[in-house]
Amino acid sequence: MTDEFETGLPSVRQMQALIKDNTEVEVKLVTSDLVVGKLRWQDTNCLCVIDHYDQPTIVWKQAIVFVKPKA
């Protein structure tokens, strides 16, 4: 079984748009933690959020409840 990155999926395209536009997001985790920052990259398993201190946080996609642009 290959773990290919399906760039045609709407969710993947939406995340790529958030990365390209350098949009600040809120990432809610199953632990109820909230990670706030800008998306730097995503792959098949994880995404990277850069916080206000330029510190990266790698988040496993299976730990995410939602990702939304910060209001």
PDB file of N, CA and C in Angstrom:
ATOM      1  N   MET A   1       0.838  -1.183   0.000  1.00  0.00           N
ATOM      2  CA  MET A   1       0.000   0.000   0.000  1.00  0.00           C
ATOM      3  C   MET A   1       0.882   1.246   0.000  1.00  0.00           C
ATOM      4  N   THR A   2       0.614   2.155  -0.932  1.00  0.00           N
ATOM      5  CA  THR A   2       1.380   3.397  -0.981  1.00  0.00           C
ATOM      6  C   THR A   2       0.589   4.498  -0.293  1.00  0.00           C
ATOM      7  N   ASP A   3       1.313   5.394   0.316  1.00  0.00           N
ATOM      8  CA  ASP A   3       0.702   6.507   1.046  1.00  0.00           C
ATOM      9  C   ASP A   3       0.906   7.775   0.231  1.00  0.00           C
ATOM     10  N   GLU A   4       0.156   7.891  -0.882  1.00  0.00           N
ATOM     11  CA  GLU A   4       0.338   9.015  -1.790  1.00  0.00           C
ATOM     12  C   GLU A   4      -0.421  10.244  -1.313  1.00  0.00           C
ATOM     13  N   PHE A   5       0.135  11.386  -1.632  1.00  0.00           N
ATOM     14  CA  PHE A   5      -0.460  12.668  -1.301  1.00  0.00           C
ATOM     15  C   PHE A   5      -1.420  13.030  -2.428  1.00  0.00           C
ATOM     16  N   GLU A   6      -2.723  13.033  -2.160  1.00  0.00           N
ATOM     17  CA  GLU A   6      -3.732  13.255  -3.193  1.00  0.00           C
ATOM     18  C   GLU A   6      -4.064  14.747  -3.314  1.00  0.00           C
ATOM     19  N   THR A   7      -3.358  15.410  -4.213  1.00  0.00           N
ATOM     20  CA  THR A   7      -3.496  16.859  -4.360  1.00  0.00           C
ATOM     21  C   THR A   7      -4.825  17.283  -4.969  1.00  0.00           C
ATOM     22  N   GLY A   8      -5.597  16.345  -5.493  1.00  0.00           N
ATOM     23  CA  GLY A   8      -6.889  16.679  -6.070  1.00  0.00           C
ATOM     24  C   GLY A   8      -8.008  16.783  -5.050  1.00  0.00           C
ATOM     25  N   LEU A   9      -7.773  16.351  -3.820  1.00  0.00           N
ATOM     26  CA  LEU A   9      -8.807  16.404  -2.791  1.00  0.00           C
ATOM     27  C   LEU A   9      -9.068  17.847  -2.358  1.00  0.00           C
ATOM     28  N   PRO A  10     -10.338  18.197  -2.151  1.00  0.00           N
ATOM     29  CA  PRO A  10     -10.658  19.566  -1.721  1.00  0.00           C
ATOM     30  C   PRO A  10      -9.956  19.976  -0.430  1.00  0.00           C
ATOM     31  N   SER A  11      -9.835  19.054   0.522  1.00  0.00           N
ATOM     32  CA  SER A  11      -9.183  19.394   1.795  1.00  0.00           C
ATOM     33  C   SER A  11      -7.710  19.732   1.591  1.00  0.00           C
ATOM     34  N   VAL A  12      -7.047  18.991   0.731  1.00  0.00           N
ATOM     35  CA  VAL A  12      -5.631  19.243   0.444  1.00  0.00           C
ATOM     36  C   VAL A  12      -5.478  20.583  -0.275  1.00  0.00           C
ATOM     37  N   ARG A  13      -6.352  20.852  -1.236  1.00  0.00           N
ATOM     38  CA  ARG A  13      -6.285  22.129  -1.967  1.00  0.00           C
ATOM     39  C   ARG A  13      -6.549  23.303  -1.030  1.00  0.00           C
ATOM     40  N   GLN A  14      -7.505  23.151  -0.102  1.00  0.00           N
ATOM     41  CA  GLN A  14      -7.813  24.213   0.866  1.00  0.00           C
ATOM     42  C   GLN A  14      -6.597  24.495   1.750  1.00  0.00           C
ATOM     43  N   MET A  15      -5.961  23.442   2.241  1.00  0.00           N
ATOM     44  CA  MET A  15      -4.773  23.615   3.090  1.00  0.00           C
ATOM     45  C   MET A  15      -3.645  24.274   2.299  1.00  0.00           C
ATOM     46  N   GLN A  16      -3.468  23.877   1.040  1.00  0.00           N
ATOM     47  CA  GLN A  16      -2.429  24.478   0.206  1.00  0.00           C
ATOM     48  C   GLN A  16      -2.704  25.962  -0.008  1.00  0.00           C
ATOM     49  N   ALA A  17      -3.975  26.345  -0.151  1.00  0.00           N
ATOM     50  CA  ALA A  17      -4.326  27.758  -0.310  1.00  0.00           C
ATOM     51  C   ALA A  17      -3.989  28.536   0.957  1.00  0.00           C
ATOM     52  N   LEU A  18      -4.244  27.948   2.119  1.00  0.00           N
ATOM     53  CA  LEU A  18      -3.904  28.610   3.384  1.00  0.00           C
ATOM     54  C   LEU A  18      -2.390  28.801   3.507  1.00  0.00           C
ATOM     55  N   ILE A  19      -1.632  27.813   3.046  1.00  0.00           N
ATOM     56  CA  ILE A  19      -0.168  27.912   3.066  1.00  0.00           C
ATOM     57  C   ILE A  19       0.292  29.009   2.099  1.00  0.00           C
ATOM     58  N   LYS A  20      -0.219  28.960   0.881  1.00  0.00           N
ATOM     59  CA  LYS A  20       0.182  29.930  -0.150  1.00  0.00           C
ATOM     60  C   LYS A  20      -0.152  31.361   0.257  1.00  0.00           C
ATOM     61  N   ASP A  21      -1.340  31.560   0.857  1.00  0.00           N
ATOM     62  CA  ASP A  21      -1.786  32.898   1.238  1.00  0.00           C
ATOM     63  C   ASP A  21      -1.216  33.364   2.570  1.00  0.00           C
ATOM     64  N   ASN A  22      -0.444  32.491   3.233  1.00  0.00           N
ATOM     65  CA  ASN A  22       0.186  32.826   4.512  1.00  0.00           C
ATOM     66  C   ASN A  22      -0.861  33.244   5.556  1.00  0.00           C
ATOM     67  N   THR A  23      -1.981  32.534   5.556  1.00  0.00           N
ATOM     68  CA  THR A  23      -3.108  32.832   6.426  1.00  0.00           C
ATOM     69  C   THR A  23      -2.878  32.267   7.825  1.00  0.00           C
ATOM     70  N   GLU A  24      -3.145  33.073   8.842  1.00  0.00           N
ATOM     71  CA  GLU A  24      -3.054  32.583  10.210  1.00  0.00           C
ATOM     72  C   GLU A  24      -4.259  31.672  10.472  1.00  0.00           C
ATOM     73  N   VAL A  25      -4.015  30.540  11.123  1.00  0.00           N
ATOM     74  CA  VAL A  25      -5.058  29.557  11.367  1.00  0.00           C
ATOM     75  C   VAL A  25      -5.103  29.137  12.831  1.00  0.00           C
ATOM     76  N   GLU A  26      -6.229  28.545  13.195  1.00  0.00           N
ATOM     77  CA  GLU A  26      -6.390  27.872  14.475  1.00  0.00           C
ATOM     78  C   GLU A  26      -6.516  26.384  14.172  1.00  0.00           C
ATOM     79  N   VAL A  27      -5.714  25.577  14.856  1.00  0.00           N
ATOM     80  CA  VAL A  27      -5.770  24.128  14.697  1.00  0.00           C
ATOM     81  C   VAL A  27      -6.201  23.544  16.036  1.00  0.00           C
ATOM     82  N   LYS A  28      -7.418  23.007  16.085  1.00  0.00           N
ATOM     83  CA  LYS A  28      -7.955  22.406  17.307  1.00  0.00           C
ATOM     84  C   LYS A  28      -7.568  20.934  17.314  1.00  0.00           C
ATOM     85  N   LEU A  29      -7.029  20.462  18.448  1.00  0.00           N
ATOM     86  CA  LEU A  29      -6.584  19.079  18.572  1.00  0.00           C
ATOM     87  C   LEU A  29      -7.563  18.256  19.403  1.00  0.00           C
ATOM     88  N   VAL A  30      -7.482  16.950  19.264  1.00  0.00           N
ATOM     89  CA  VAL A  30      -8.373  16.061  20.020  1.00  0.00           C
ATOM     90  C   VAL A  30      -8.148  16.180  21.522  1.00  0.00           C
ATOM     91  N   THR A  31      -7.027  16.737  21.930  1.00  0.00           N
ATOM     92  CA  THR A  31      -6.720  16.957  23.347  1.00  0.00           C
ATOM     93  C   THR A  31      -7.342  18.246  23.865  1.00  0.00           C
ATOM     94  N   SER A  32      -8.065  18.964  23.002  1.00  0.00           N
ATOM     95  CA  SER A  32      -8.676  20.272  23.269  1.00  0.00           C
ATOM     96  C   SER A  32      -7.665  21.412  23.232  1.00  0.00           C
ATOM     97  N   ASP A  33      -6.406  21.131  22.935  1.00  0.00           N
ATOM     98  CA  ASP A  33      -5.413  22.192  22.756  1.00  0.00           C
ATOM     99  C   ASP A  33      -5.717  22.940  21.464  1.00  0.00           C
ATOM    100  N   LEU A  34      -5.303  24.201  21.423  1.00  0.00           N
ATOM    101  CA  LEU A  34      -5.468  25.030  20.240  1.00  0.00           C
ATOM    102  C   LEU A  34      -4.089  25.530  19.822  1.00  0.00           C
ATOM    103  N   VAL A  35      -3.693  25.223  18.593  1.00  0.00           N
ATOM    104  CA  VAL A  35      -2.420  25.679  18.045  1.00  0.00           C
ATOM    105  C   VAL A  35      -2.743  26.802  17.068  1.00  0.00           C
ATOM    106  N   VAL A  36      -2.107  27.962  17.267  1.00  0.00           N
ATOM    107  CA  VAL A  36      -2.375  29.130  16.426  1.00  0.00           C
ATOM    108  C   VAL A  36      -1.083  29.531  15.722  1.00  0.00           C
ATOM    109  N   GLY A  37      -1.195  29.797  14.443  1.00  0.00           N
ATOM    110  CA  GLY A  37      -0.037  30.240  13.677  1.00  0.00           C
ATOM    111  C   GLY A  37      -0.309  30.125  12.191  1.00  0.00           C
ATOM    112  N   LYS A  38       0.763  30.123  11.420  1.00  0.00           N
ATOM    113  CA  LYS A  38       0.652  30.026   9.967  1.00  0.00           C
ATOM    114  C   LYS A  38       1.155  28.669   9.515  1.00  0.00           C
ATOM    115  N   LEU A  39       0.417  28.072   8.580  1.00  0.00           N
ATOM    116  CA  LEU A  39       0.830  26.781   8.047  1.00  0.00           C
ATOM    117  C   LEU A  39       2.055  26.964   7.172  1.00  0.00           C
ATOM    118  N   ARG A  40       3.045  26.127   7.381  1.00  0.00           N
ATOM    119  CA  ARG A  40       4.270  26.192   6.576  1.00  0.00           C
ATOM    120  C   ARG A  40       4.235  25.118   5.493  1.00  0.00           C
ATOM    121  N   TRP A  41       3.853  23.890   5.858  1.00  0.00           N
ATOM    122  CA  TRP A  41       3.798  22.786   4.898  1.00  0.00           C
ATOM    123  C   TRP A  41       2.861  21.703   5.408  1.00  0.00           C
ATOM    124  N   GLN A  42       2.511  20.799   4.516  1.00  0.00           N
ATOM    125  CA  GLN A  42       1.753  19.606   4.885  1.00  0.00           C
ATOM    126  C   GLN A  42       2.274  18.432   4.076  1.00  0.00           C
ATOM    127  N   ASP A  43       2.145  17.248   4.627  1.00  0.00           N
ATOM    128  CA  ASP A  43       2.416  16.023   3.887  1.00  0.00           C
ATOM    129  C   ASP A  43       1.281  15.046   4.189  1.00  0.00           C
ATOM    130  N   THR A  44       1.449  13.797   3.862  1.00  0.00           N
ATOM    131  CA  THR A  44       0.363  12.843   4.044  1.00  0.00           C
ATOM    132  C   THR A  44       0.007  12.613   5.507  1.00  0.00           C
ATOM    133  N   ASN A  45       0.956  12.816   6.424  1.00  0.00           N
ATOM    134  CA  ASN A  45       0.733  12.514   7.835  1.00  0.00           C
ATOM    135  C   ASN A  45       0.643  13.718   8.756  1.00  0.00           C
ATOM    136  N   CYS A  46       1.325  14.784   8.410  1.00  0.00           N
ATOM    137  CA  CYS A  46       1.491  15.904   9.337  1.00  0.00           C
ATOM    138  C   CYS A  46       1.326  17.249   8.644  1.00  0.00           C
ATOM    139  N   LEU A  47       1.214  18.275   9.488  1.00  0.00           N
ATOM    140  CA  LEU A  47       1.343  19.637   9.001  1.00  0.00           C
ATOM    141  C   LEU A  47       2.200  20.410   9.997  1.00  0.00           C
ATOM    142  N   CYS A  48       2.772  21.485   9.525  1.00  0.00           N
ATOM    143  CA  CYS A  48       3.656  22.305  10.355  1.00  0.00           C
ATOM    144  C   CYS A  48       3.033  23.682  10.528  1.00  0.00           C
ATOM    145  N   VAL A  49       2.908  24.092  11.791  1.00  0.00           N
ATOM    146  CA  VAL A  49       2.368  25.408  12.132  1.00  0.00           C
ATOM    147  C   VAL A  49       3.496  26.229  12.749  1.00  0.00           C
ATOM    148  N   ILE A  50       3.719  27.431  12.232  1.00  0.00           N
ATOM    149  CA  ILE A  50       4.735  28.337  12.758  1.00  0.00           C
ATOM    150  C   ILE A  50       4.027  29.359  13.639  1.00  0.00           C
ATOM    151  N   ASP A  51       4.424  29.436  14.918  1.00  0.00           N
ATOM    152  CA  ASP A  51       3.750  30.352  15.853  1.00  0.00           C
ATOM    153  C   ASP A  51       4.330  31.763  15.762  1.00  0.00           C
ATOM    154  N   HIS A  52       3.851  32.638  16.637  1.00  0.00           N
ATOM    155  CA  HIS A  52       4.272  34.051  16.621  1.00  0.00           C
ATOM    156  C   HIS A  52       5.743  34.243  16.990  1.00  0.00           C
ATOM    157  N   TYR A  53       6.364  33.212  17.553  1.00  0.00           N
ATOM    158  CA  TYR A  53       7.784  33.277  17.911  1.00  0.00           C
ATOM    159  C   TYR A  53       8.656  32.576  16.868  1.00  0.00           C
ATOM    160  N   ASP A  54       8.064  32.279  15.706  1.00  0.00           N
ATOM    161  CA  ASP A  54       8.735  31.555  14.620  1.00  0.00           C
ATOM    162  C   ASP A  54       9.157  30.147  15.020  1.00  0.00           C
ATOM    163  N   GLN A  55       8.457  29.554  15.978  1.00  0.00           N
ATOM    164  CA  GLN A  55       8.727  28.194  16.411  1.00  0.00           C
ATOM    165  C   GLN A  55       7.787  27.232  15.675  1.00  0.00           C
ATOM    166  N   PRO A  56       8.337  26.181  15.069  1.00  0.00           N
ATOM    167  CA  PRO A  56       7.484  25.226  14.357  1.00  0.00           C
ATOM    168  C   PRO A  56       6.867  24.200  15.311  1.00  0.00           C
ATOM    169  N   THR A  57       5.635  23.845  15.034  1.00  0.00           N
ATOM    170  CA  THR A  57       4.972  22.744  15.726  1.00  0.00           C
ATOM    171  C   THR A  57       4.509  21.771  14.655  1.00  0.00           C
ATOM    172  N   ILE A  58       4.948  20.531  14.755  1.00  0.00           N
ATOM    173  CA  ILE A  58       4.532  19.483  13.837  1.00  0.00           C
ATOM    174  C   ILE A  58       3.308  18.803  14.455  1.00  0.00           C
ATOM    175  N   VAL A  59       2.216  18.760  13.717  1.00  0.00           N
ATOM    176  CA  VAL A  59       0.966  18.187  14.210  1.00  0.00           C
ATOM    177  C   VAL A  59       0.598  17.001  13.327  1.00  0.00           C
ATOM    178  N   TRP A  60       0.357  15.856  13.955  1.00  0.00           N
ATOM    179  CA  TRP A  60      -0.115  14.686  13.222  1.00  0.00           C
ATOM    180  C   TRP A  60      -1.555  14.937  12.817  1.00  0.00           C
ATOM    181  N   LYS A  61      -1.888  14.700  11.562  1.00  0.00           N
ATOM    182  CA  LYS A  61      -3.238  14.959  11.062  1.00  0.00           C
ATOM    183  C   LYS A  61      -4.301  14.176  11.832  1.00  0.00           C
ATOM    184  N   GLN A  62      -3.975  12.995  12.323  1.00  0.00           N
ATOM    185  CA  GLN A  62      -4.946  12.199  13.072  1.00  0.00           C
ATOM    186  C   GLN A  62      -5.303  12.837  14.412  1.00  0.00           C
ATOM    187  N   ALA A  63      -4.531  13.831  14.856  1.00  0.00           N
ATOM    188  CA  ALA A  63      -4.805  14.522  16.120  1.00  0.00           C
ATOM    189  C   ALA A  63      -5.646  15.782  15.927  1.00  0.00           C
ATOM    190  N   ILE A  64      -6.001  16.099  14.675  1.00  0.00           N
ATOM    191  CA  ILE A  64      -6.699  17.351  14.378  1.00  0.00           C
ATOM    192  C   ILE A  64      -8.213  17.160  14.395  1.00  0.00           C
ATOM    193  N   VAL A  65      -8.884  18.088  15.082  1.00  0.00           N
ATOM    194  CA  VAL A  65     -10.342  18.150  15.049  1.00  0.00           C
ATOM    195  C   VAL A  65     -10.771  19.060  13.915  1.00  0.00           C
ATOM    196  N   PHE A  66     -10.173  20.260  13.844  1.00  0.00           N
ATOM    197  CA  PHE A  66     -10.453  21.168  12.727  1.00  0.00           C
ATOM    198  C   PHE A  66      -9.302  22.137  12.527  1.00  0.00           C
ATOM    199  N   VAL A  67      -9.265  22.735  11.329  1.00  0.00           N
ATOM    200  CA  VAL A  67      -8.351  23.819  10.982  1.00  0.00           C
ATOM    201  C   VAL A  67      -9.227  24.911  10.387  1.00  0.00           C
ATOM    202  N   LYS A  68      -9.092  26.139  10.923  1.00  0.00           N
ATOM    203  CA  LYS A  68      -9.871  27.246  10.354  1.00  0.00           C
ATOM    204  C   LYS A  68      -9.049  28.524  10.362  1.00  0.00           C
ATOM    205  N   PRO A  69      -9.313  29.395   9.388  1.00  0.00           N
ATOM    206  CA  PRO A  69      -8.629  30.687   9.383  1.00  0.00           C
ATOM    207  C   PRO A  69      -8.982  31.450  10.665  1.00  0.00           C
ATOM    208  N   LYS A  70      -7.992  32.124  11.228  1.00  0.00           N
ATOM    209  CA  LYS A  70      -8.212  32.877  12.464  1.00  0.00           C
ATOM    210  C   LYS A  70      -8.974  34.160  12.138  1.00  0.00           C
ATOM    211  N   ALA A  71     -10.008  34.398  12.922  1.00  0.00           N
ATOM    212  CA  ALA A  71     -10.843  35.590  12.690  1.00  0.00           C
ATOM    213  C   ALA A  71     -10.191  36.836  13.260  1.00  0.00           C
TER     214      ALA A  71
END
